C-alpha cells in the first residue's frame, strides 16, 4: 500500500472494498492531508463521538465533490 492522490476512481474502489470514511490527523489548513481509509459499522455514531482531535471525511460525501476540489492523499 502507498499514498495516492484522492480521486473519484480511488474513492469508488475504497467504497467497493467496504470502506466508508477517510480518517486523518491533518488540520483543515493542510494543503496535502494524508488519509487512512476505515470502515465504521456505526458511521453516524462514530462521527458524533469525534472530539475534534481527529479529522475525517465520509467517502459518499467526497464523491459528491467535484474532483478538481478534492485534495490530499489516501493510503491505497
Protein backbone atom coordinates (compact mmCIF):
# COMPACT_ATOMS: atom_id res chain seq x y z
CA UNK A 1 0.00 0.00 0.00
CA UNK A 2 1.06 3.56 -0.66
CA UNK A 3 -0.35 7.07 -0.57
CA UNK A 4 -2.11 8.05 -3.81
CA UNK A 5 -3.98 11.19 -4.84
CA UNK A 6 -7.62 11.29 -3.74
CA UNK A 7 -9.74 10.86 -6.89
CA UNK A 8 -13.27 9.68 -7.57
CA UNK A 9 -11.88 6.44 -9.04
CA UNK A 10 -9.89 5.70 -5.86
CA UNK A 11 -12.88 6.61 -3.66
CA UNK A 12 -15.16 4.28 -5.63
CA UNK A 13 -12.64 1.44 -5.24
CA UNK A 14 -12.39 2.07 -1.50
CA UNK A 15 -16.18 2.10 -1.22
CA UNK A 16 -16.33 -1.17 -3.16
CA UNK A 17 -13.86 -2.59 -0.62
CA UNK A 18 -16.35 -1.59 2.13
CA UNK A 19 -14.53 1.47 3.46
CA UNK A 20 -16.85 4.35 4.32
CA UNK A 21 -14.68 7.04 5.91
CA UNK A 22 -11.23 8.57 5.50
CA UNK A 23 -9.50 9.49 8.76
CA UNK A 24 -6.65 11.98 9.18
CA UNK A 25 -4.75 13.81 11.87
CA UNK A 26 -4.08 16.68 9.43
CA UNK A 27 -5.63 20.07 10.09
CA UNK A 28 -8.16 21.74 7.80
CA UNK A 29 -5.44 24.20 6.78
CA UNK A 30 -3.19 21.41 5.49
CA UNK A 31 -2.87 21.65 1.69
CA UNK A 32 -1.96 17.98 1.32
CA UNK A 33 -3.68 15.94 4.06
CA UNK A 34 -2.92 12.23 4.40
CA UNK A 35 -5.90 9.92 4.92
CA UNK A 36 -6.31 6.33 6.08
CA UNK A 37 -9.48 4.52 4.90
CA UNK A 38 -11.57 2.83 7.57
CA UNK A 39 -14.90 1.06 7.89
CA UNK A 40 -17.19 2.17 10.70
CA UNK A 41 -20.27 -0.02 11.21
CA UNK A 42 -21.98 2.83 13.08
CA UNK A 43 -20.68 5.69 10.95
CA UNK A 44 -23.01 8.36 12.31
CA UNK A 45 -22.36 7.33 15.91
CA UNK A 46 -18.64 7.49 15.18
CA UNK A 47 -18.96 10.98 13.67
CA UNK A 48 -20.93 12.20 16.69
CA UNK A 49 -18.26 10.84 19.04
CA UNK A 50 -15.36 12.73 17.47
CA UNK A 51 -13.79 15.18 19.87
CA UNK A 52 -12.11 17.40 17.29
CA UNK A 53 -8.70 15.76 17.61
CA UNK A 54 -9.20 13.55 14.58
CA UNK A 55 -10.48 14.71 11.23
CA UNK A 56 -12.45 12.58 8.85
CA UNK A 57 -14.31 12.67 5.58
CA UNK A 58 -17.21 10.41 4.58
CA UNK A 59 -16.48 8.74 1.24
CA UNK A 60 -20.07 9.21 -0.03
CA UNK A 61 -19.78 12.95 0.69
CA UNK A 62 -16.44 13.18 -1.11
CA UNK A 63 -17.94 11.52 -4.19
CA UNK A 64 -20.33 14.50 -4.46
CA UNK A 65 -17.43 16.98 -4.52
CA UNK A 66 -16.07 17.99 -7.92
CA UNK A 67 -12.87 16.05 -8.47
CA UNK A 68 -10.86 19.24 -9.05
CA UNK A 69 -11.74 20.30 -5.49
CA UNK A 70 -10.51 17.09 -3.83
CA UNK A 71 -7.18 17.37 -2.07
CA UNK A 72 -4.80 15.12 -0.26
CA UNK A 73 -3.59 11.56 -0.50
CA UNK A 74 -5.06 8.33 0.78
CA UNK A 75 -3.40 5.04 1.72
CA UNK A 76 -4.40 2.64 -1.06
